[in-house]
């Protein structure tokens, strides 16, 4: 997932809606991990 986050960041870097795209990625991550707190390696905390 850390590798996925890095690759995803590259794909959305030039998009004007990157903030929503980051939130979308986090929604998938939290479905898989049911994260308590945050893990900056696998989800977007600060853009």
ModelCIF file with pLDDT and N, C-alpha, C, O atoms, coordinates in Angstrom:
data_MODEL
#
_entry.id   MODEL 
#
_entity.id                         1 
_entity.type                       polymer 
_entity.pdbx_number_of_molecules   1 
#
_entity_poly.entity_id                      1 
_entity_poly.type                           'polypeptide(L)' 
_entity_poly.nstd_linkage                   no 
_entity_poly.nstd_monomer                   no 
_entity_poly.pdbx_seq_one_letter_code       
;(UNK)(UNK)(UNK)(UNK)(UNK)(UNK)(UNK)(UNK)(UNK)(UNK)(UNK)(UNK)(UNK)(UNK)(UNK)(UNK)
(UNK)(UNK)(UNK)(UNK)(UNK)(UNK)(UNK)(UNK)(UNK)(UNK)(UNK)(UNK)(UNK)(UNK)(UNK)(UNK)
(UNK)(UNK)(UNK)(UNK)(UNK)(UNK)(UNK)(UNK)(UNK)(UNK)(UNK)(UNK)(UNK)(UNK)(UNK)
;
_entity_poly.pdbx_seq_one_letter_code_can   XXXXXXXXXXXXXXXXXXXXXXXXXXXXXXXXXXXXXXXXXXXXXXX 
_entity_poly.pdbx_strand_id                 A 
#
loop_
_entity_poly_seq.entity_id 
_entity_poly_seq.num 
_entity_poly_seq.mon_id 
_entity_poly_seq.hetero 
1 1  UNK n 
1 2  UNK n 
1 3  UNK n 
1 4  UNK n 
1 5  UNK n 
1 6  UNK n 
1 7  UNK n 
1 8  UNK n 
1 9  UNK n 
1 10 UNK n 
1 11 UNK n 
1 12 UNK n 
1 13 UNK n 
1 14 UNK n 
1 15 UNK n 
1 16 UNK n 
1 17 UNK n 
1 18 UNK n 
1 19 UNK n 
1 20 UNK n 
1 21 UNK n 
1 22 UNK n 
1 23 UNK n 
1 24 UNK n 
1 25 UNK n 
1 26 UNK n 
1 27 UNK n 
1 28 UNK n 
1 29 UNK n 
1 30 UNK n 
1 31 UNK n 
1 32 UNK n 
1 33 UNK n 
1 34 UNK n 
1 35 UNK n 
1 36 UNK n 
1 37 UNK n 
1 38 UNK n 
1 39 UNK n 
1 40 UNK n 
1 41 UNK n 
1 42 UNK n 
1 43 UNK n 
1 44 UNK n 
1 45 UNK n 
1 46 UNK n 
1 47 UNK n 
#
_struct_asym.id          A 
_struct_asym.entity_id   1 
#
loop_
_ma_qa_metric.id 
_ma_qa_metric.mode 
_ma_qa_metric.name 
_ma_qa_metric.software_group_id 
_ma_qa_metric.type 
1 global pLDDT . pLDDT 
2 local  pLDDT . pLDDT 
#
_ma_qa_metric_global.metric_id      1 
_ma_qa_metric_global.metric_value   87.91 
_ma_qa_metric_global.model_id       1 
_ma_qa_metric_global.ordinal_id     1 
#
loop_
_ma_qa_metric_local.label_asym_id 
_ma_qa_metric_local.label_comp_id 
_ma_qa_metric_local.label_seq_id 
_ma_qa_metric_local.metric_id 
_ma_qa_metric_local.metric_value 
_ma_qa_metric_local.model_id 
_ma_qa_metric_local.ordinal_id 
A UNK 1  2 93.00 1 1  
A UNK 2  2 92.00 1 2  
A UNK 3  2 93.00 1 3  
A UNK 4  2 93.00 1 4  
A UNK 5  2 93.00 1 5  
A UNK 6  2 92.00 1 6  
A UNK 7  2 93.00 1 7  
A UNK 8  2 94.00 1 8  
A UNK 9  2 92.00 1 9  
A UNK 10 2 92.00 1 10 
A UNK 11 2 93.00 1 11 
A UNK 12 2 93.00 1 12 
A UNK 13 2 88.00 1 13 
A UNK 14 2 88.00 1 14 
A UNK 15 2 89.00 1 15 
A UNK 16 2 89.00 1 16 
A UNK 17 2 90.00 1 17 
A UNK 18 2 89.00 1 18 
A UNK 19 2 91.00 1 19 
A UNK 20 2 93.00 1 20 
A UNK 21 2 94.00 1 21 
A UNK 22 2 94.00 1 22 
A UNK 23 2 94.00 1 23 
A UNK 24 2 96.00 1 24 
A UNK 25 2 95.00 1 25 
A UNK 26 2 93.00 1 26 
A UNK 27 2 94.00 1 27 
A UNK 28 2 94.00 1 28 
A UNK 29 2 93.00 1 29 
A UNK 30 2 91.00 1 30 
A UNK 31 2 90.00 1 31 
A UNK 32 2 90.00 1 32 
A UNK 33 2 89.00 1 33 
A UNK 34 2 80.00 1 34 
A UNK 35 2 65.00 1 35 
A UNK 36 2 63.00 1 36 
A UNK 37 2 68.00 1 37 
A UNK 38 2 76.00 1 38 
A UNK 39 2 80.00 1 39 
A UNK 40 2 85.00 1 40 
A UNK 41 2 85.00 1 41 
A UNK 42 2 90.00 1 42 
A UNK 43 2 90.00 1 43 
A UNK 44 2 89.00 1 44 
A UNK 45 2 85.00 1 45 
A UNK 46 2 73.00 1 46 
A UNK 47 2 66.00 1 47 
#
loop_
_atom_site.group_PDB 
_atom_site.id 
_atom_site.type_symbol 
_atom_site.label_atom_id 
_atom_site.label_alt_id 
_atom_site.label_comp_id 
_atom_site.label_asym_id 
_atom_site.label_entity_id 
_atom_site.label_seq_id 
_atom_site.pdbx_PDB_ins_code 
_atom_site.Cartn_x 
_atom_site.Cartn_y 
_atom_site.Cartn_z 
_atom_site.occupancy 
_atom_site.B_iso_or_equiv 
_atom_site.pdbx_formal_charge 
_atom_site.auth_seq_id 
_atom_site.auth_comp_id 
_atom_site.auth_asym_id 
_atom_site.auth_atom_id 
_atom_site.pdbx_PDB_model_num 
ATOM 1   N N  . UNK A 1 1  ? 0.817   -1.213 0.000   1.00 93.00 ? 1  UNK A N  1 
ATOM 2   C CA . UNK A 1 1  ? 0.000   0.000  0.000   1.00 93.00 ? 1  UNK A CA 1 
ATOM 3   C C  . UNK A 1 1  ? 0.853   1.266  0.000   1.00 93.00 ? 1  UNK A C  1 
ATOM 4   O O  . UNK A 1 1  ? 0.450   2.283  -0.565  1.00 93.00 ? 1  UNK A O  1 
ATOM 5   N N  . UNK A 1 2  ? 2.017   1.214  0.623   1.00 92.00 ? 2  UNK A N  1 
ATOM 6   C CA . UNK A 1 2  ? 2.930   2.362  0.554   1.00 92.00 ? 2  UNK A CA 1 
ATOM 7   C C  . UNK A 1 2  ? 3.378   2.582  -0.886  1.00 92.00 ? 2  UNK A C  1 
ATOM 8   O O  . UNK A 1 2  ? 3.464   3.720  -1.347  1.00 92.00 ? 2  UNK A O  1 
ATOM 9   N N  . UNK A 1 3  ? 3.662   1.488  -1.597  1.00 93.00 ? 3  UNK A N  1 
ATOM 10  C CA . UNK A 1 3  ? 4.030   1.598  -3.012  1.00 93.00 ? 3  UNK A CA 1 
ATOM 11  C C  . UNK A 1 3  ? 2.863   2.112  -3.836  1.00 93.00 ? 3  UNK A C  1 
ATOM 12  O O  . UNK A 1 3  ? 3.050   2.889  -4.773  1.00 93.00 ? 3  UNK A O  1 
ATOM 13  N N  . UNK A 1 4  ? 1.648   1.676  -3.484  1.00 93.00 ? 4  UNK A N  1 
ATOM 14  C CA . UNK A 1 4  ? 0.452   2.146  -4.198  1.00 93.00 ? 4  UNK A CA 1 
ATOM 15  C C  . UNK A 1 4  ? 0.228   3.636  -3.972  1.00 93.00 ? 4  UNK A C  1 
ATOM 16  O O  . UNK A 1 4  ? -0.114  4.370  -4.900  1.00 93.00 ? 4  UNK A O  1 
ATOM 17  N N  . UNK A 1 5  ? 0.423   4.076  -2.737  1.00 93.00 ? 5  UNK A N  1 
ATOM 18  C CA . UNK A 1 5  ? 0.247   5.507  -2.451  1.00 93.00 ? 5  UNK A CA 1 
ATOM 19  C C  . UNK A 1 5  ? 1.235   6.333  -3.266  1.00 93.00 ? 5  UNK A C  1 
ATOM 20  O O  . UNK A 1 5  ? 0.869   7.365  -3.827  1.00 93.00 ? 5  UNK A O  1 
ATOM 21  N N  . UNK A 1 6  ? 2.495   5.879  -3.332  1.00 92.00 ? 6  UNK A N  1 
ATOM 22  C CA . UNK A 1 6  ? 3.513   6.613  -4.096  1.00 92.00 ? 6  UNK A CA 1 
ATOM 23  C C  . UNK A 1 6  ? 3.155   6.655  -5.576  1.00 92.00 ? 6  UNK A C  1 
ATOM 24  O O  . UNK A 1 6  ? 3.273   7.703  -6.211  1.00 92.00 ? 6  UNK A O  1 
ATOM 25  N N  . UNK A 1 7  ? 2.720   5.528  -6.130  1.00 93.00 ? 7  UNK A N  1 
ATOM 26  C CA . UNK A 1 7  ? 2.358   5.481  -7.553  1.00 93.00 ? 7  UNK A CA 1 
ATOM 27  C C  . UNK A 1 7  ? 1.117   6.314  -7.834  1.00 93.00 ? 7  UNK A C  1 
ATOM 28  O O  . UNK A 1 7  ? 1.021   6.970  -8.872  1.00 93.00 ? 7  UNK A O  1 
ATOM 29  N N  . UNK A 1 8  ? 0.176   6.284  -6.913  1.00 94.00 ? 8  UNK A N  1 
ATOM 30  C CA . UNK A 1 8  ? -1.057  7.063  -7.062  1.00 94.00 ? 8  UNK A CA 1 
ATOM 31  C C  . UNK A 1 8  ? -0.758  8.561  -7.033  1.00 94.00 ? 8  UNK A C  1 
ATOM 32  O O  . UNK A 1 8  ? -1.351  9.331  -7.789  1.00 94.00 ? 8  UNK A O  1 
ATOM 33  N N  . UNK A 1 9  ? 0.159   8.969  -6.162  1.00 92.00 ? 9  UNK A N  1 
ATOM 34  C CA . UNK A 1 9  ? 0.542   10.380 -6.079  1.00 92.00 ? 9  UNK A CA 1 
ATOM 35  C C  . UNK A 1 9  ? 1.062   10.886 -7.419  1.00 92.00 ? 9  UNK A C  1 
ATOM 36  O O  . UNK A 1 9  ? 0.757   12.004 -7.835  1.00 92.00 ? 9  UNK A O  1 
ATOM 37  N N  . UNK A 1 10 ? 1.849   10.052 -8.086  1.00 92.00 ? 10 UNK A N  1 
ATOM 38  C CA . UNK A 1 10 ? 2.375   10.438 -9.400  1.00 92.00 ? 10 UNK A CA 1 
ATOM 39  C C  . UNK A 1 10 ? 1.240   10.607 -10.395 1.00 92.00 ? 10 UNK A C  1 
ATOM 40  O O  . UNK A 1 10 ? 1.261   11.528 -11.211 1.00 92.00 ? 10 UNK A O  1 
ATOM 41  N N  . UNK A 1 11 ? 0.239   9.716  -10.335 1.00 93.00 ? 11 UNK A N  1 
ATOM 42  C CA . UNK A 1 11 ? -0.853  9.748  -11.303 1.00 93.00 ? 11 UNK A CA 1 
ATOM 43  C C  . UNK A 1 11 ? -1.747  10.973 -11.128 1.00 93.00 ? 11 UNK A C  1 
ATOM 44  O O  . UNK A 1 11 ? -2.330  11.439 -12.106 1.00 93.00 ? 11 UNK A O  1 
ATOM 45  N N  . UNK A 1 12 ? -1.874  11.506 -9.915  1.00 93.00 ? 12 UNK A N  1 
ATOM 46  C CA . UNK A 1 12 ? -2.800  12.617 -9.676  1.00 93.00 ? 12 UNK A CA 1 
ATOM 47  C C  . UNK A 1 12 ? -2.083  13.956 -9.509  1.00 93.00 ? 12 UNK A C  1 
ATOM 48  O O  . UNK A 1 12 ? -2.721  14.964 -9.206  1.00 93.00 ? 12 UNK A O  1 
ATOM 49  N N  . UNK A 1 13 ? -0.776  13.976 -9.700  1.00 88.00 ? 13 UNK A N  1 
ATOM 50  C CA . UNK A 1 13 ? 0.023   15.168 -9.383  1.00 88.00 ? 13 UNK A CA 1 
ATOM 51  C C  . UNK A 1 13 ? -0.443  16.415 -10.125 1.00 88.00 ? 13 UNK A C  1 
ATOM 52  O O  . UNK A 1 13 ? -0.414  17.506 -9.556  1.00 88.00 ? 13 UNK A O  1 
ATOM 53  N N  . UNK A 1 14 ? -0.871  16.285 -11.375 1.00 88.00 ? 14 UNK A N  1 
ATOM 54  C CA . UNK A 1 14 ? -1.227  17.449 -12.181 1.00 88.00 ? 14 UNK A CA 1 
ATOM 55  C C  . UNK A 1 14 ? -2.728  17.700 -12.234 1.00 88.00 ? 14 UNK A C  1 
ATOM 56  O O  . UNK A 1 14 ? -3.190  18.521 -13.027 1.00 88.00 ? 14 UNK A O  1 
ATOM 57  N N  . UNK A 1 15 ? -3.482  17.014 -11.414 1.00 89.00 ? 15 UNK A N  1 
ATOM 58  C CA . UNK A 1 15 ? -4.932  17.172 -11.450 1.00 89.00 ? 15 UNK A CA 1 
ATOM 59  C C  . UNK A 1 15 ? -5.376  18.317 -10.548 1.00 89.00 ? 15 UNK A C  1 
ATOM 60  O O  . UNK A 1 15 ? -4.846  18.465 -9.446  1.00 89.00 ? 15 UNK A O  1 
ATOM 61  N N  . UNK A 1 16 ? -6.333  19.128 -10.984 1.00 89.00 ? 16 UNK A N  1 
ATOM 62  C CA . UNK A 1 16 ? -6.841  20.186 -10.104 1.00 89.00 ? 16 UNK A CA 1 
ATOM 63  C C  . UNK A 1 16 ? -7.668  19.639 -8.943  1.00 89.00 ? 16 UNK A C  1 
ATOM 64  O O  . UNK A 1 16 ? -7.862  20.330 -7.944  1.00 89.00 ? 16 UNK A O  1 
ATOM 65  N N  . UNK A 1 17 ? -8.159  18.399 -9.067  1.00 90.00 ? 17 UNK A N  1 
ATOM 66  C CA . UNK A 1 17 ? -8.988  17.802 -8.021  1.00 90.00 ? 17 UNK A CA 1 
ATOM 67  C C  . UNK A 1 17 ? -8.196  16.801 -7.183  1.00 90.00 ? 17 UNK A C  1 
ATOM 68  O O  . UNK A 1 17 ? -8.760  15.840 -6.660  1.00 90.00 ? 17 UNK A O  1 
ATOM 69  N N  . UNK A 1 18 ? -6.881  17.029 -7.056  1.00 89.00 ? 18 UNK A N  1 
ATOM 70  C CA . UNK A 1 18 ? -6.048  16.059 -6.346  1.00 89.00 ? 18 UNK A CA 1 
ATOM 71  C C  . UNK A 1 18 ? -6.493  15.852 -4.897  1.00 89.00 ? 18 UNK A C  1 
ATOM 72  O O  . UNK A 1 18 ? -6.317  14.763 -4.351  1.00 89.00 ? 18 UNK A O  1 
ATOM 73  N N  . UNK A 1 19 ? -7.062  16.876 -4.273  1.00 91.00 ? 19 UNK A N  1 
ATOM 74  C CA . UNK A 1 19 ? -7.516  16.739 -2.890  1.00 91.00 ? 19 UNK A CA 1 
ATOM 75  C C  . UNK A 1 19 ? -8.613  15.694 -2.769  1.00 91.00 ? 19 UNK A C  1 
ATOM 76  O O  . UNK A 1 19 ? -8.575  14.852 -1.872  1.00 91.00 ? 19 UNK A O  1 
ATOM 77  N N  . UNK A 1 20 ? -9.591  15.746 -3.667  1.00 93.00 ? 20 UNK A N  1 
ATOM 78  C CA . UNK A 1 20 ? -10.654 14.738 -3.666  1.00 93.00 ? 20 UNK A CA 1 
ATOM 79  C C  . UNK A 1 20 ? -10.099 13.369 -4.028  1.00 93.00 ? 20 UNK A C  1 
ATOM 80  O O  . UNK A 1 20 ? -10.540 12.351 -3.495  1.00 93.00 ? 20 UNK A O  1 
ATOM 81  N N  . UNK A 1 21 ? -9.122  13.350 -4.945  1.00 94.00 ? 21 UNK A N  1 
ATOM 82  C CA . UNK A 1 21 ? -8.513  12.077 -5.336  1.00 94.00 ? 21 UNK A CA 1 
ATOM 83  C C  . UNK A 1 21 ? -7.792  11.441 -4.155  1.00 94.00 ? 21 UNK A C  1 
ATOM 84  O O  . UNK A 1 21 ? -7.837  10.222 -3.992  1.00 94.00 ? 21 UNK A O  1 
ATOM 85  N N  . UNK A 1 22 ? -7.137  12.238 -3.337  1.00 94.00 ? 22 UNK A N  1 
ATOM 86  C CA . UNK A 1 22 ? -6.463  11.706 -2.148  1.00 94.00 ? 22 UNK A CA 1 
ATOM 87  C C  . UNK A 1 22 ? -7.478  11.128 -1.163  1.00 94.00 ? 22 UNK A C  1 
ATOM 88  O O  . UNK A 1 22 ? -7.261  10.055 -0.599  1.00 94.00 ? 22 UNK A O  1 
ATOM 89  N N  . UNK A 1 23 ? -8.584  11.841 -0.960  1.00 94.00 ? 23 UNK A N  1 
ATOM 90  C CA . UNK A 1 23 ? -9.628  11.361 -0.059  1.00 94.00 ? 23 UNK A CA 1 
ATOM 91  C C  . UNK A 1 23 ? -10.213 10.043 -0.562  1.00 94.00 ? 23 UNK A C  1 
ATOM 92  O O  . UNK A 1 23 ? -10.519 9.151  0.229   1.00 94.00 ? 23 UNK A O  1 
ATOM 93  N N  . UNK A 1 24 ? -10.366 9.927  -1.872  1.00 96.00 ? 24 UNK A N  1 
ATOM 94  C CA . UNK A 1 24 ? -10.889 8.704  -2.469  1.00 96.00 ? 24 UNK A CA 1 
ATOM 95  C C  . UNK A 1 24 ? -9.966  7.528  -2.172  1.00 96.00 ? 24 UNK A C  1 
ATOM 96  O O  . UNK A 1 24 ? -10.429 6.449  -1.799  1.00 96.00 ? 24 UNK A O  1 
ATOM 97  N N  . UNK A 1 25 ? -8.674  7.735  -2.336  1.00 95.00 ? 25 UNK A N  1 
ATOM 98  C CA . UNK A 1 25 ? -7.690  6.690  -2.029  1.00 95.00 ? 25 UNK A CA 1 
ATOM 99  C C  . UNK A 1 25 ? -7.791  6.278  -0.563  1.00 95.00 ? 25 UNK A C  1 
ATOM 100 O O  . UNK A 1 25 ? -7.752  5.091  -0.242  1.00 95.00 ? 25 UNK A O  1 
ATOM 101 N N  . UNK A 1 26 ? -7.920  7.264  0.324   1.00 93.00 ? 26 UNK A N  1 
ATOM 102 C CA . UNK A 1 26 ? -8.037  6.957  1.757   1.00 93.00 ? 26 UNK A CA 1 
ATOM 103 C C  . UNK A 1 26 ? -9.266  6.108  2.052   1.00 93.00 ? 26 UNK A C  1 
ATOM 104 O O  . UNK A 1 26 ? -9.239  5.265  2.948   1.00 93.00 ? 26 UNK A O  1 
ATOM 105 N N  . UNK A 1 27 ? -10.348 6.329  1.299   1.00 94.00 ? 27 UNK A N  1 
ATOM 106 C CA . UNK A 1 27 ? -11.566 5.553  1.532   1.00 94.00 ? 27 UNK A CA 1 
ATOM 107 C C  . UNK A 1 27 ? -11.329 4.073  1.268   1.00 94.00 ? 27 UNK A C  1 
ATOM 108 O O  . UNK A 1 27 ? -11.837 3.212  1.986   1.00 94.00 ? 27 UNK A O  1 
ATOM 109 N N  . UNK A 1 28 ? -10.550 3.788  0.228   1.00 94.00 ? 28 UNK A N  1 
ATOM 110 C CA . UNK A 1 28 ? -10.226 2.396  -0.083  1.00 94.00 ? 28 UNK A CA 1 
ATOM 111 C C  . UNK A 1 28 ? -9.310  1.818  0.991   1.00 94.00 ? 28 UNK A C  1 
ATOM 112 O O  . UNK A 1 28 ? -9.533  0.704  1.464   1.00 94.00 ? 28 UNK A O  1 
ATOM 113 N N  . UNK A 1 29 ? -8.284  2.569  1.376   1.00 93.00 ? 29 UNK A N  1 
ATOM 114 C CA . UNK A 1 29 ? -7.345  2.111  2.403   1.00 93.00 ? 29 UNK A CA 1 
ATOM 115 C C  . UNK A 1 29 ? -8.074  1.754  3.692   1.00 93.00 ? 29 UNK A C  1 
ATOM 116 O O  . UNK A 1 29 ? -7.804  0.717  4.298   1.00 93.00 ? 29 UNK A O  1 
ATOM 117 N N  . UNK A 1 30 ? -8.988  2.606  4.107   1.00 91.00 ? 30 UNK A N  1 
ATOM 118 C CA . UNK A 1 30 ? -9.657  2.385  5.396   1.00 91.00 ? 30 UNK A CA 1 
ATOM 119 C C  . UNK A 1 30 ? -10.655 1.239  5.324   1.00 91.00 ? 30 UNK A C  1 
ATOM 120 O O  . UNK A 1 30 ? -10.965 0.624  6.344   1.00 91.00 ? 30 UNK A O  1 
ATOM 121 N N  . UNK A 1 31 ? -11.159 0.947  4.136   1.00 90.00 ? 31 UNK A N  1 
ATOM 122 C CA . UNK A 1 31 ? -11.991 -0.239 3.991   1.00 90.00 ? 31 UNK A CA 1 
ATOM 123 C C  . UNK A 1 31 ? -11.175 -1.508 4.252   1.00 90.00 ? 31 UNK A C  1 
ATOM 124 O O  . UNK A 1 31 ? -11.659 -2.458 4.867   1.00 90.00 ? 31 UNK A O  1 
ATOM 125 N N  . UNK A 1 32 ? -9.949  -1.502 3.780   1.00 90.00 ? 32 UNK A N  1 
ATOM 126 C CA . UNK A 1 32 ? -9.103  -2.688 3.911   1.00 90.00 ? 32 UNK A CA 1 
ATOM 127 C C  . UNK A 1 32 ? -8.542  -2.828 5.322   1.00 90.00 ? 32 UNK A C  1 
ATOM 128 O O  . UNK A 1 32 ? -8.513  -3.929 5.873   1.00 90.00 ? 32 UNK A O  1 
ATOM 129 N N  . UNK A 1 33 ? -8.101  -1.725 5.904   1.00 89.00 ? 33 UNK A N  1 
ATOM 130 C CA . UNK A 1 33 ? -7.392  -1.799 7.181   1.00 89.00 ? 33 UNK A CA 1 
ATOM 131 C C  . UNK A 1 33 ? -8.251  -1.423 8.383   1.00 89.00 ? 33 UNK A C  1 
ATOM 132 O O  . UNK A 1 33 ? -7.868  -1.697 9.521   1.00 89.00 ? 33 UNK A O  1 
ATOM 133 N N  . UNK A 1 34 ? -9.419  -0.794 8.149   1.00 80.00 ? 34 UNK A N  1 
ATOM 134 C CA . UNK A 1 34 ? -10.227 -0.309 9.271   1.00 80.00 ? 34 UNK A CA 1 
ATOM 135 C C  . UNK A 1 34 ? -9.337  0.440  10.261  1.00 80.00 ? 34 UNK A C  1 
ATOM 136 O O  . UNK A 1 34 ? -9.351  0.171  11.462  1.00 80.00 ? 34 UNK A O  1 
ATOM 137 N N  . UNK A 1 35 ? -8.566  1.382  9.727   1.00 65.00 ? 35 UNK A N  1 
ATOM 138 C CA . UNK A 1 35 ? -7.503  2.048  10.475  1.00 65.00 ? 35 UNK A CA 1 
ATOM 139 C C  . UNK A 1 35 ? -8.037  2.811  11.682  1.00 65.00 ? 35 UNK A C  1 
ATOM 140 O O  . UNK A 1 35 ? -9.015  3.551  11.576  1.00 65.00 ? 35 UNK A O  1 
ATOM 141 N N  . UNK A 1 36 ? -7.387  2.624  12.830  1.00 63.00 ? 36 UNK A N  1 
ATOM 142 C CA . UNK A 1 36 ? -7.612  3.462  13.996  1.00 63.00 ? 36 UNK A CA 1 
ATOM 143 C C  . UNK A 1 36 ? -6.446  4.437  14.056  1.00 63.00 ? 36 UNK A C  1 
ATOM 144 O O  . UNK A 1 36 ? -5.291  4.014  14.091  1.00 63.00 ? 36 UNK A O  1 
ATOM 145 N N  . UNK A 1 37 ? -6.732  5.740  14.069  1.00 68.00 ? 37 UNK A N  1 
ATOM 146 C CA . UNK A 1 37 ? -5.665  6.719  13.935  1.00 68.00 ? 37 UNK A CA 1 
ATOM 147 C C  . UNK A 1 37 ? -5.276  6.841  12.474  1.00 68.00 ? 37 UNK A C  1 
ATOM 148 O O  . UNK A 1 37 ? -6.079  6.559  11.584  1.00 68.00 ? 37 UNK A O  1 
ATOM 149 N N  . UNK A 1 38 ? -4.051  7.259  12.229  1.00 76.00 ? 38 UNK A N  1 
ATOM 150 C CA . UNK A 1 38 ? -3.604  7.461  10.853  1.00 76.00 ? 38 UNK A CA 1 
ATOM 151 C C  . UNK A 1 38 ? -2.264  6.781  10.629  1.00 76.00 ? 38 UNK A C  1 
ATOM 152 O O  . UNK A 1 38 ? -1.461  6.624  11.548  1.00 76.00 ? 38 UNK A O  1 
ATOM 153 N N  . UNK A 1 39 ? -2.051  6.388  9.404   1.00 80.00 ? 39 UNK A N  1 
ATOM 154 C CA . UNK A 1 39 ? -0.766  5.816  9.001   1.00 80.00 ? 39 UNK A CA 1 
ATOM 155 C C  . UNK A 1 39 ? -0.325  6.569  7.754   1.00 80.00 ? 39 UNK A C  1 
ATOM 156 O O  . UNK A 1 39 ? -0.839  6.328  6.662   1.00 80.00 ? 39 UNK A O  1 
ATOM 157 N N  . UNK A 1 40 ? 0.623   7.475  7.917   1.00 85.00 ? 40 UNK A N  1 
ATOM 158 C CA . UNK A 1 40 ? 1.046   8.343  6.827   1.00 85.00 ? 40 UNK A CA 1 
ATOM 159 C C  . UNK A 1 40 ? 1.689   7.569  5.675   1.00 85.00 ? 40 UNK A C  1 
ATOM 160 O O  . UNK A 1 40 ? 1.783   8.085  4.561   1.00 85.00 ? 40 UNK A O  1 
ATOM 161 N N  . UNK A 1 41 ? 2.129   6.347  5.932   1.00 85.00 ? 41 UNK A N  1 
ATOM 162 C CA . UNK A 1 41 ? 2.765   5.574  4.872   1.00 85.00 ? 41 UNK A CA 1 
ATOM 163 C C  . UNK A 1 41 ? 1.760   5.075  3.842   1.00 85.00 ? 41 UNK A C  1 
ATOM 164 O O  . UNK A 1 41 ? 2.111   4.892  2.676   1.00 85.00 ? 41 UNK A O  1 
ATOM 165 N N  . UNK A 1 42 ? 0.517   4.851  4.254   1.00 90.00 ? 42 UNK A N  1 
ATOM 166 C CA . UNK A 1 42 ? -0.448  4.227  3.350   1.00 90.00 ? 42 UNK A CA 1 
ATOM 167 C C  . UNK A 1 42 ? -1.676  5.087  3.086   1.00 90.00 ? 42 UNK A C  1 
ATOM 168 O O  . UNK A 1 42 ? -2.543  4.683  2.312   1.00 90.00 ? 42 UNK A O  1 
ATOM 169 N N  . UNK A 1 43 ? -1.778  6.259  3.704   1.00 90.00 ? 43 UNK A N  1 
ATOM 170 C CA . UNK A 1 43 ? -2.911  7.146  3.437   1.00 90.00 ? 43 UNK A CA 1 
ATOM 171 C C  . UNK A 1 43 ? -2.444  8.597  3.452   1.00 90.00 ? 43 UNK A C  1 
ATOM 172 O O  . UNK A 1 43 ? -1.398  8.933  4.007   1.00 90.00 ? 43 UNK A O  1 
ATOM 173 N N  . UNK A 1 44 ? -3.242  9.429  2.834   1.00 89.00 ? 44 UNK A N  1 
ATOM 174 C CA . UNK A 1 44 ? -2.916  10.854 2.742   1.00 89.00 ? 44 UNK A CA 1 
ATOM 175 C C  . UNK A 1 44 ? -3.442  11.550 3.991   1.00 89.00 ? 44 UNK A C  1 
ATOM 176 O O  . UNK A 1 44 ? -4.638  11.511 4.278   1.00 89.00 ? 44 UNK A O  1 
ATOM 177 N N  . UNK A 1 45 ? -2.545  12.181 4.724   1.00 85.00 ? 45 UNK A N  1 
ATOM 178 C CA . UNK A 1 45 ? -2.930  12.948 5.899   1.00 85.00 ? 45 UNK A CA 1 
ATOM 179 C C  . UNK A 1 45 ? -2.861  14.434 5.543   1.00 85.00 ? 45 UNK A C  1 
ATOM 180 O O  . UNK A 1 45 ? -3.887  15.110 5.468   1.00 85.00 ? 45 UNK A O  1 
ATOM 181 N N  . UNK A 1 46 ? -1.654  14.930 5.327   1.00 73.00 ? 46 UNK A N  1 
ATOM 182 C CA . UNK A 1 46 ? -1.474  16.234 4.699   1.00 73.00 ? 46 UNK A CA 1 
ATOM 183 C C  . UNK A 1 46 ? -1.262  15.958 3.220   1.00 73.00 ? 46 UNK A C  1 
ATOM 184 O O  . UNK A 1 46 ? -0.610  14.983 2.848   1.00 73.00 ? 46 UNK A O  1 
ATOM 185 N N  . UNK A 1 47 ? -1.816  16.821 2.379   1.00 66.00 ? 47 UNK A N  1 
ATOM 186 C CA . UNK A 1 47 ? -1.693  16.587 0.941   1.00 66.00 ? 47 UNK A CA 1 
ATOM 187 C C  . UNK A 1 47 ? -0.232  16.506 0.518   1.00 66.00 ? 47 UNK A C  1 
ATOM 188 O O  . UNK A 1 47 ? 0.060   16.312 -0.662  1.00 66.00 ? 47 UNK A O  1 
#
